[in-house]
């Protein structure tokens, strides 16, 4: 039982590390939403284990790691995971490519929520470059889905 929970938490930890790993500024604009994609997989596969509470805690960890105001990423991740977990039975029946479109919508919701809260708190303005991670997250989804599904089956996580 502990081994199964450890695999889930390790995948979230790896996503957090990938989210903050330094990249050149030309590439950093396209960084996918690793944390959102991993949380999306686990919330659709195991909604009774990975839910809004896990997304909130992961968002707090991401706020601390990135250095933003506490709660900004928590709000965006919690809302996205709530929508995914509430519709997980329907989303499981979609093909991986259809799920990638849903992930793109959740990623755009996440980015718009974080932008909106940051805009209310600070003096930032919207730029189109802010939404490039939506496309890279969509493209990344089939591979992350395959990898995490294989890991889930290998460790018999249910």
N, C-alpha and C. Protein backbone atom coordinates (compact mmCIF):
# COMPACT_ATOMS: atom_id res chain seq x y z
N UNK A 1 0.82 -1.19 0.00
CA UNK A 1 0.00 0.00 0.00
C UNK A 1 0.87 1.26 0.00
N UNK A 2 1.88 1.29 0.85
CA UNK A 2 2.76 2.45 0.91
C UNK A 2 3.55 2.61 -0.38
N UNK A 3 3.94 1.48 -0.96
CA UNK A 3 4.71 1.52 -2.20
C UNK A 3 3.88 2.16 -3.31
N UNK A 4 2.59 1.87 -3.33
CA UNK A 4 1.70 2.42 -4.35
C UNK A 4 1.54 3.92 -4.18
N UNK A 5 1.36 4.36 -2.95
CA UNK A 5 1.25 5.80 -2.70
C UNK A 5 2.57 6.50 -3.01
N UNK A 6 3.67 5.83 -2.73
CA UNK A 6 4.98 6.41 -2.99
C UNK A 6 5.19 6.67 -4.47
N UNK A 7 4.71 5.78 -5.32
CA UNK A 7 4.86 5.96 -6.77
C UNK A 7 4.10 7.21 -7.23
N UNK A 8 2.90 7.41 -6.71
CA UNK A 8 2.12 8.59 -7.08
C UNK A 8 2.83 9.86 -6.64
N UNK A 9 3.30 9.88 -5.38
CA UNK A 9 3.97 11.07 -4.86
C UNK A 9 5.31 11.32 -5.55
N UNK A 10 6.00 10.25 -5.92
CA UNK A 10 7.26 10.43 -6.66
C UNK A 10 7.02 11.03 -8.04
N UNK A 11 5.95 10.60 -8.71
CA UNK A 11 5.66 11.18 -10.02
C UNK A 11 5.30 12.66 -9.90
N UNK A 12 4.59 13.03 -8.85
CA UNK A 12 4.28 14.44 -8.63
C UNK A 12 5.55 15.22 -8.30
N UNK A 13 6.43 14.61 -7.52
CA UNK A 13 7.71 15.27 -7.18
C UNK A 13 8.57 15.47 -8.43
N UNK A 14 8.62 14.48 -9.30
CA UNK A 14 9.37 14.61 -10.56
C UNK A 14 8.76 15.73 -11.41
N UNK A 15 7.43 15.83 -11.43
CA UNK A 15 6.78 16.91 -12.19
C UNK A 15 7.13 18.27 -11.60
N UNK A 16 7.19 18.37 -10.28
CA UNK A 16 7.58 19.64 -9.65
C UNK A 16 9.01 20.02 -10.01
N UNK A 17 9.90 19.02 -10.02
CA UNK A 17 11.30 19.29 -10.40
C UNK A 17 11.38 19.72 -11.86
N UNK A 18 10.65 19.03 -12.74
CA UNK A 18 10.66 19.41 -14.16
C UNK A 18 10.08 20.80 -14.36
N UNK A 19 9.18 21.21 -13.49
CA UNK A 19 8.56 22.53 -13.61
C UNK A 19 9.54 23.65 -13.27
N UNK A 20 10.53 23.36 -12.41
CA UNK A 20 11.44 24.44 -11.99
C UNK A 20 12.85 24.29 -12.53
N UNK A 21 13.14 23.24 -13.28
CA UNK A 21 14.49 23.06 -13.81
C UNK A 21 14.83 24.24 -14.73
N UNK A 22 16.02 24.79 -14.60
CA UNK A 22 16.38 25.96 -15.42
C UNK A 22 16.50 25.60 -16.90
N UNK A 23 15.93 26.45 -17.73
CA UNK A 23 16.00 26.29 -19.18
C UNK A 23 16.40 27.63 -19.79
N UNK A 24 16.98 27.62 -20.99
CA UNK A 24 17.26 28.89 -21.66
C UNK A 24 15.96 29.67 -21.88
N UNK A 25 16.06 30.98 -21.89
CA UNK A 25 14.86 31.82 -21.97
C UNK A 25 14.06 31.59 -23.26
N UNK A 26 14.75 31.21 -24.35
CA UNK A 26 14.04 30.95 -25.60
C UNK A 26 13.16 29.70 -25.50
N UNK A 27 13.57 28.73 -24.69
CA UNK A 27 12.85 27.47 -24.55
C UNK A 27 11.87 27.52 -23.37
N UNK A 28 12.18 28.32 -22.38
CA UNK A 28 11.37 28.39 -21.16
C UNK A 28 9.94 28.85 -21.44
N UNK A 29 9.76 29.61 -22.50
CA UNK A 29 8.42 30.08 -22.87
C UNK A 29 7.51 28.90 -23.21
N UNK A 30 8.09 27.82 -23.74
CA UNK A 30 7.33 26.66 -24.19
C UNK A 30 7.25 25.55 -23.15
N UNK A 31 7.71 25.79 -21.93
CA UNK A 31 7.73 24.74 -20.90
C UNK A 31 6.31 24.23 -20.65
N UNK A 32 6.10 22.91 -20.79
CA UNK A 32 4.75 22.38 -20.53
C UNK A 32 4.40 22.44 -19.05
N UNK A 33 3.13 22.32 -18.78
CA UNK A 33 2.65 22.30 -17.40
C UNK A 33 2.78 20.88 -16.85
N UNK A 34 3.99 20.53 -16.45
CA UNK A 34 4.27 19.17 -16.00
C UNK A 34 3.37 18.77 -14.82
N UNK A 35 3.24 19.65 -13.87
CA UNK A 35 2.47 19.33 -12.67
C UNK A 35 1.01 19.12 -13.02
N UNK A 36 0.47 19.97 -13.84
CA UNK A 36 -0.94 19.84 -14.23
C UNK A 36 -1.17 18.54 -15.01
N UNK A 37 -0.27 18.21 -15.90
CA UNK A 37 -0.43 17.01 -16.72
C UNK A 37 -0.37 15.75 -15.84
N UNK A 38 0.56 15.71 -14.90
CA UNK A 38 0.66 14.54 -14.02
C UNK A 38 -0.55 14.46 -13.10
N UNK A 39 -0.95 15.57 -12.53
CA UNK A 39 -2.15 15.57 -11.68
C UNK A 39 -3.40 15.20 -12.47
N UNK A 40 -3.47 15.64 -13.72
CA UNK A 40 -4.61 15.30 -14.56
C UNK A 40 -4.68 13.80 -14.79
N UNK A 41 -3.53 13.18 -15.06
CA UNK A 41 -3.55 11.73 -15.27
C UNK A 41 -4.03 11.01 -14.02
N UNK A 42 -3.43 11.33 -12.88
CA UNK A 42 -3.79 10.62 -11.65
C UNK A 42 -5.22 10.90 -11.22
N UNK A 43 -5.71 12.09 -11.45
CA UNK A 43 -7.09 12.39 -11.05
C UNK A 43 -8.11 11.72 -11.96
N UNK A 44 -7.74 11.47 -13.21
CA UNK A 44 -8.65 10.72 -14.09
C UNK A 44 -8.53 9.22 -13.86
N UNK A 45 -7.33 8.74 -13.54
CA UNK A 45 -7.13 7.31 -13.33
C UNK A 45 -7.59 6.88 -11.94
N UNK A 46 -7.25 7.65 -10.93
CA UNK A 46 -7.57 7.30 -9.54
C UNK A 46 -8.14 8.52 -8.80
N UNK A 47 -9.38 8.89 -9.11
CA UNK A 47 -9.94 10.11 -8.49
C UNK A 47 -10.14 9.98 -6.99
N UNK A 48 -10.20 8.76 -6.46
CA UNK A 48 -10.36 8.59 -5.01
C UNK A 48 -9.03 8.77 -4.27
N UNK A 49 -7.92 8.75 -4.97
CA UNK A 49 -6.60 8.96 -4.36
C UNK A 49 -6.03 10.34 -4.63
N UNK A 50 -6.11 10.78 -5.86
CA UNK A 50 -5.57 12.10 -6.24
C UNK A 50 -6.77 12.99 -6.55
N UNK A 51 -7.00 13.95 -5.67
CA UNK A 51 -8.19 14.79 -5.78
C UNK A 51 -7.81 16.25 -5.59
N UNK A 52 -8.78 17.06 -5.27
CA UNK A 52 -8.57 18.50 -5.14
C UNK A 52 -7.60 18.81 -3.99
N UNK A 53 -7.65 18.04 -2.92
CA UNK A 53 -6.74 18.27 -1.80
C UNK A 53 -5.29 18.06 -2.19
N UNK A 54 -5.02 17.01 -2.94
CA UNK A 54 -3.66 16.76 -3.42
C UNK A 54 -3.23 17.88 -4.36
N UNK A 55 -4.15 18.32 -5.22
CA UNK A 55 -3.83 19.42 -6.14
C UNK A 55 -3.54 20.70 -5.37
N UNK A 56 -4.28 20.95 -4.30
CA UNK A 56 -4.05 22.15 -3.50
C UNK A 56 -2.68 22.10 -2.84
N UNK A 57 -2.34 20.97 -2.24
CA UNK A 57 -1.02 20.83 -1.59
C UNK A 57 0.12 20.94 -2.60
N UNK A 58 -0.07 20.34 -3.76
CA UNK A 58 0.93 20.43 -4.81
C UNK A 58 1.06 21.88 -5.29
N UNK A 59 -0.05 22.58 -5.37
CA UNK A 59 -0.01 23.99 -5.76
C UNK A 59 0.72 24.85 -4.76
N UNK A 60 0.54 24.56 -3.46
CA UNK A 60 1.27 25.30 -2.43
C UNK A 60 2.77 25.03 -2.57
N UNK A 61 3.13 23.77 -2.81
CA UNK A 61 4.54 23.43 -3.02
C UNK A 61 5.09 24.16 -4.24
N UNK A 62 4.29 24.25 -5.28
CA UNK A 62 4.74 24.95 -6.49
C UNK A 62 4.87 26.45 -6.25
N UNK A 63 3.96 27.01 -5.47
CA UNK A 63 4.07 28.43 -5.11
C UNK A 63 5.37 28.70 -4.37
N UNK A 64 5.71 27.81 -3.46
CA UNK A 64 6.95 27.99 -2.69
C UNK A 64 8.17 27.83 -3.61
N UNK A 65 8.14 26.83 -4.49
CA UNK A 65 9.28 26.58 -5.37
C UNK A 65 9.48 27.71 -6.40
N UNK A 66 8.39 28.21 -6.95
CA UNK A 66 8.48 29.23 -7.99
C UNK A 66 8.65 30.62 -7.38
N UNK A 67 8.16 30.80 -6.16
CA UNK A 67 8.30 32.08 -5.49
C UNK A 67 7.16 33.04 -5.75
N UNK A 68 6.00 32.52 -6.08
CA UNK A 68 4.83 33.38 -6.29
C UNK A 68 4.05 33.52 -4.99
N UNK A 69 3.05 34.35 -5.01
CA UNK A 69 2.19 34.53 -3.86
C UNK A 69 1.50 33.22 -3.54
N UNK A 70 1.46 32.86 -2.26
CA UNK A 70 0.87 31.59 -1.86
C UNK A 70 -0.60 31.51 -2.26
N UNK A 71 -0.94 30.45 -2.95
CA UNK A 71 -2.32 30.19 -3.33
C UNK A 71 -2.63 30.40 -4.80
N UNK A 72 -1.73 31.03 -5.52
CA UNK A 72 -2.01 31.30 -6.94
C UNK A 72 -2.07 30.00 -7.73
N UNK A 73 -1.04 29.19 -7.64
CA UNK A 73 -1.03 27.92 -8.36
C UNK A 73 -2.01 26.92 -7.74
N UNK A 74 -2.21 27.03 -6.44
CA UNK A 74 -3.16 26.14 -5.77
C UNK A 74 -4.57 26.33 -6.32
N UNK A 75 -4.96 27.57 -6.54
CA UNK A 75 -6.29 27.85 -7.08
C UNK A 75 -6.44 27.26 -8.48
N UNK A 76 -5.47 27.52 -9.35
CA UNK A 76 -5.55 27.03 -10.72
C UNK A 76 -5.53 25.51 -10.80
N UNK A 77 -4.64 24.88 -10.04
CA UNK A 77 -4.56 23.41 -10.06
C UNK A 77 -5.80 22.79 -9.44
N UNK A 78 -6.29 23.35 -8.35
CA UNK A 78 -7.48 22.79 -7.69
C UNK A 78 -8.70 22.87 -8.59
N UNK A 79 -8.89 23.99 -9.25
CA UNK A 79 -10.03 24.14 -10.14
C UNK A 79 -9.94 23.17 -11.32
N UNK A 80 -8.76 23.04 -11.91
CA UNK A 80 -8.58 22.13 -13.05
C UNK A 80 -8.80 20.68 -12.64
N UNK A 81 -8.23 20.29 -11.50
CA UNK A 81 -8.38 18.90 -11.04
C UNK A 81 -9.82 18.63 -10.62
N UNK A 82 -10.49 19.62 -10.07
CA UNK A 82 -11.91 19.44 -9.72
C UNK A 82 -12.74 19.12 -10.95
N UNK A 83 -12.53 19.88 -12.01
CA UNK A 83 -13.29 19.64 -13.25
C UNK A 83 -12.96 18.27 -13.82
N UNK A 84 -11.69 17.89 -13.81
CA UNK A 84 -11.30 16.57 -14.33
C UNK A 84 -11.86 15.44 -13.47
N UNK A 85 -11.77 15.59 -12.15
CA UNK A 85 -12.24 14.53 -11.26
C UNK A 85 -13.76 14.40 -11.30
N UNK A 86 -14.45 15.50 -11.51
CA UNK A 86 -15.91 15.45 -11.58
C UNK A 86 -16.39 14.76 -12.85
N UNK A 87 -15.58 14.75 -13.88
CA UNK A 87 -15.96 14.16 -15.17
C UNK A 87 -15.08 12.98 -15.57
N UNK A 88 -14.43 12.34 -14.60
CA UNK A 88 -13.44 11.31 -14.94
C UNK A 88 -14.05 10.13 -15.68
N UNK A 89 -15.29 9.75 -15.38
CA UNK A 89 -15.89 8.60 -16.05
C UNK A 89 -16.10 8.87 -17.54
N UNK A 90 -16.47 10.08 -17.86
CA UNK A 90 -16.66 10.46 -19.26
C UNK A 90 -15.32 10.59 -19.96
N UNK A 91 -14.34 11.20 -19.29
CA UNK A 91 -13.04 11.46 -19.91
C UNK A 91 -12.26 10.17 -20.18
N UNK A 92 -12.46 9.16 -19.36
CA UNK A 92 -11.77 7.88 -19.58
C UNK A 92 -12.16 7.24 -20.90
N UNK A 93 -13.38 7.50 -21.36
CA UNK A 93 -13.86 6.89 -22.60
C UNK A 93 -13.38 7.60 -23.86
N UNK A 94 -12.79 8.77 -23.71
CA UNK A 94 -12.27 9.50 -24.86
C UNK A 94 -10.95 8.89 -25.30
N UNK A 95 -10.63 9.09 -26.56
CA UNK A 95 -9.32 8.65 -27.05
C UNK A 95 -8.24 9.57 -26.46
N UNK A 96 -7.00 9.14 -26.58
CA UNK A 96 -5.90 9.92 -26.03
C UNK A 96 -5.82 11.29 -26.70
N UNK A 97 -6.13 11.37 -27.97
CA UNK A 97 -6.07 12.65 -28.68
C UNK A 97 -7.19 13.57 -28.23
N UNK A 98 -8.36 13.01 -27.97
CA UNK A 98 -9.46 13.83 -27.43
C UNK A 98 -9.12 14.30 -26.02
N UNK A 99 -8.49 13.42 -25.25
CA UNK A 99 -8.06 13.81 -23.91
C UNK A 99 -7.01 14.92 -23.98
N UNK A 100 -6.18 14.89 -25.00
CA UNK A 100 -5.16 15.93 -25.16
C UNK A 100 -5.83 17.29 -25.36
N UNK A 101 -6.94 17.33 -26.06
CA UNK A 101 -7.66 18.58 -26.24
C UNK A 101 -8.23 19.05 -24.90
N UNK A 102 -8.75 18.13 -24.11
CA UNK A 102 -9.27 18.46 -22.78
C UNK A 102 -8.13 18.98 -21.90
N UNK A 103 -6.97 18.35 -21.98
CA UNK A 103 -5.81 18.81 -21.22
C UNK A 103 -5.43 20.23 -21.66
N UNK A 104 -5.51 20.50 -22.95
CA UNK A 104 -5.24 21.85 -23.44
C UNK A 104 -6.23 22.86 -22.86
N UNK A 105 -7.50 22.48 -22.79
CA UNK A 105 -8.50 23.37 -22.19
C UNK A 105 -8.23 23.60 -20.70
N UNK A 106 -7.86 22.53 -20.00
CA UNK A 106 -7.55 22.67 -18.57
C UNK A 106 -6.29 23.50 -18.36
N UNK A 107 -5.32 23.33 -19.24
CA UNK A 107 -4.09 24.11 -19.15
C UNK A 107 -4.37 25.58 -19.41
N UNK A 108 -5.22 25.87 -20.39
CA UNK A 108 -5.56 27.27 -20.65
C UNK A 108 -6.36 27.86 -19.49
N UNK A 109 -7.24 27.08 -18.89
CA UNK A 109 -7.96 27.55 -17.70
C UNK A 109 -6.99 27.83 -16.56
N UNK A 110 -6.05 26.92 -16.37
CA UNK A 110 -5.04 27.08 -15.32
C UNK A 110 -4.22 28.36 -15.54
N UNK A 111 -3.76 28.57 -16.76
CA UNK A 111 -2.95 29.76 -17.05
C UNK A 111 -3.77 31.05 -16.94
N UNK A 112 -5.00 31.01 -17.39
CA UNK A 112 -5.82 32.21 -17.28
C UNK A 112 -6.17 32.52 -15.83
N UNK A 113 -6.39 31.48 -15.01
CA UNK A 113 -6.66 31.71 -13.59
C UNK A 113 -5.43 32.28 -12.88
N UNK A 114 -4.27 31.70 -13.13
CA UNK A 114 -3.07 32.22 -12.49
C UNK A 114 -2.75 33.64 -12.97
N UNK A 115 -2.98 33.90 -14.27
CA UNK A 115 -2.76 35.26 -14.77
C UNK A 115 -3.73 36.23 -14.11
N UNK A 116 -4.98 35.85 -14.02
CA UNK A 116 -5.99 36.73 -13.46
C UNK A 116 -5.67 37.11 -12.01
N UNK A 117 -5.28 36.11 -11.21
CA UNK A 117 -4.95 36.39 -9.80
C UNK A 117 -3.68 37.24 -9.72
N UNK A 118 -2.67 36.92 -10.53
CA UNK A 118 -1.46 37.74 -10.53
C UNK A 118 -1.73 39.16 -11.01
N UNK A 119 -2.65 39.30 -11.96
CA UNK A 119 -3.01 40.63 -12.44
C UNK A 119 -3.71 41.44 -11.34
N UNK A 120 -4.52 40.77 -10.54
CA UNK A 120 -5.18 41.46 -9.43
C UNK A 120 -4.19 41.88 -8.35
N UNK A 121 -3.16 41.07 -8.15
CA UNK A 121 -2.19 41.33 -7.07
C UNK A 121 -1.03 42.22 -7.50
N UNK A 122 -0.62 42.11 -8.74
CA UNK A 122 0.53 42.87 -9.22
C UNK A 122 0.13 43.66 -10.47
N UNK A 123 1.10 44.16 -11.16
CA UNK A 123 0.83 44.98 -12.33
C UNK A 123 1.35 44.30 -13.60
N UNK A 124 0.89 43.08 -13.86
CA UNK A 124 1.31 42.39 -15.08
C UNK A 124 0.20 42.49 -16.12
N UNK A 125 0.60 42.36 -17.38
CA UNK A 125 -0.36 42.43 -18.46
C UNK A 125 -0.25 41.19 -19.32
N UNK A 126 -1.35 40.84 -19.97
CA UNK A 126 -1.43 39.61 -20.74
C UNK A 126 -0.60 39.70 -22.01
N UNK A 127 0.12 38.60 -22.29
CA UNK A 127 0.87 38.45 -23.53
C UNK A 127 0.50 37.10 -24.13
N UNK A 128 0.51 37.03 -25.44
CA UNK A 128 0.14 35.79 -26.12
C UNK A 128 1.12 34.67 -25.79
N UNK A 129 2.39 35.02 -25.55
CA UNK A 129 3.40 34.02 -25.20
C UNK A 129 3.03 33.27 -23.92
N UNK A 130 2.15 33.83 -23.13
CA UNK A 130 1.74 33.22 -21.87
C UNK A 130 1.01 31.89 -22.09
N UNK A 131 0.46 31.69 -23.30
CA UNK A 131 -0.33 30.48 -23.57
C UNK A 131 0.42 29.42 -24.38
N UNK A 132 1.71 29.59 -24.66
CA UNK A 132 2.46 28.56 -25.37
C UNK A 132 2.49 27.22 -24.62
N UNK A 133 2.58 27.21 -23.29
CA UNK A 133 2.57 25.92 -22.59
C UNK A 133 1.30 25.10 -22.80
N UNK A 134 0.22 25.75 -23.20
CA UNK A 134 -1.01 25.01 -23.49
C UNK A 134 -0.77 24.04 -24.64
N UNK A 135 -0.13 24.50 -25.71
CA UNK A 135 0.15 23.64 -26.86
C UNK A 135 1.16 22.54 -26.52
N UNK A 136 2.19 22.90 -25.78
CA UNK A 136 3.19 21.87 -25.45
C UNK A 136 2.62 20.84 -24.49
N UNK A 137 1.72 21.23 -23.62
CA UNK A 137 1.08 20.26 -22.72
C UNK A 137 0.18 19.31 -23.50
N UNK A 138 -0.50 19.85 -24.50
CA UNK A 138 -1.34 18.99 -25.35
C UNK A 138 -0.50 17.97 -26.11
N UNK A 139 0.61 18.42 -26.64
CA UNK A 139 1.49 17.52 -27.40
C UNK A 139 2.13 16.49 -26.47
N UNK A 140 2.43 16.89 -25.27
CA UNK A 140 3.08 16.01 -24.30
C UNK A 140 2.14 14.96 -23.72
N UNK A 141 0.83 15.23 -23.69
CA UNK A 141 -0.13 14.36 -23.01
C UNK A 141 -0.06 12.89 -23.43
N UNK A 142 -0.04 12.52 -24.72
CA UNK A 142 -0.02 11.09 -25.05
C UNK A 142 1.17 10.34 -24.46
N UNK A 143 2.33 10.96 -24.41
CA UNK A 143 3.51 10.29 -23.87
C UNK A 143 3.46 10.17 -22.35
N UNK A 144 3.01 11.21 -21.70
CA UNK A 144 2.87 11.15 -20.24
C UNK A 144 1.78 10.14 -19.88
N UNK A 145 0.69 10.12 -20.62
CA UNK A 145 -0.37 9.16 -20.38
C UNK A 145 0.16 7.73 -20.50
N UNK A 146 0.90 7.46 -21.56
CA UNK A 146 1.45 6.13 -21.78
C UNK A 146 2.42 5.75 -20.65
N UNK A 147 3.31 6.67 -20.29
CA UNK A 147 4.31 6.38 -19.26
C UNK A 147 3.67 6.15 -17.89
N UNK A 148 2.75 7.00 -17.50
CA UNK A 148 2.13 6.84 -16.19
C UNK A 148 1.18 5.65 -16.14
N UNK A 149 0.53 5.35 -17.25
CA UNK A 149 -0.33 4.16 -17.28
C UNK A 149 0.50 2.89 -17.17
N UNK A 150 1.61 2.89 -17.85
CA UNK A 150 2.51 1.73 -17.76
C UNK A 150 3.05 1.57 -16.33
N UNK A 151 3.41 2.69 -15.71
CA UNK A 151 3.89 2.66 -14.32
C UNK A 151 2.79 2.18 -13.39
N UNK A 152 1.57 2.68 -13.60
CA UNK A 152 0.45 2.27 -12.75
C UNK A 152 0.19 0.77 -12.86
N UNK A 153 0.27 0.24 -14.06
CA UNK A 153 0.03 -1.20 -14.25
C UNK A 153 1.19 -2.03 -13.71
N UNK A 154 2.40 -1.54 -13.86
CA UNK A 154 3.58 -2.27 -13.37
C UNK A 154 3.56 -2.42 -11.85
N UNK A 155 3.14 -1.35 -11.16
CA UNK A 155 3.12 -1.39 -9.69
C UNK A 155 1.74 -1.76 -9.14
N UNK A 156 0.80 -2.13 -10.02
CA UNK A 156 -0.56 -2.53 -9.63
C UNK A 156 -1.21 -1.49 -8.73
N UNK A 157 -1.17 -0.25 -9.15
CA UNK A 157 -1.77 0.83 -8.36
C UNK A 157 -3.24 0.93 -8.73
N UNK A 158 -4.07 0.81 -7.71
CA UNK A 158 -5.52 0.92 -7.94
C UNK A 158 -6.20 1.61 -6.80
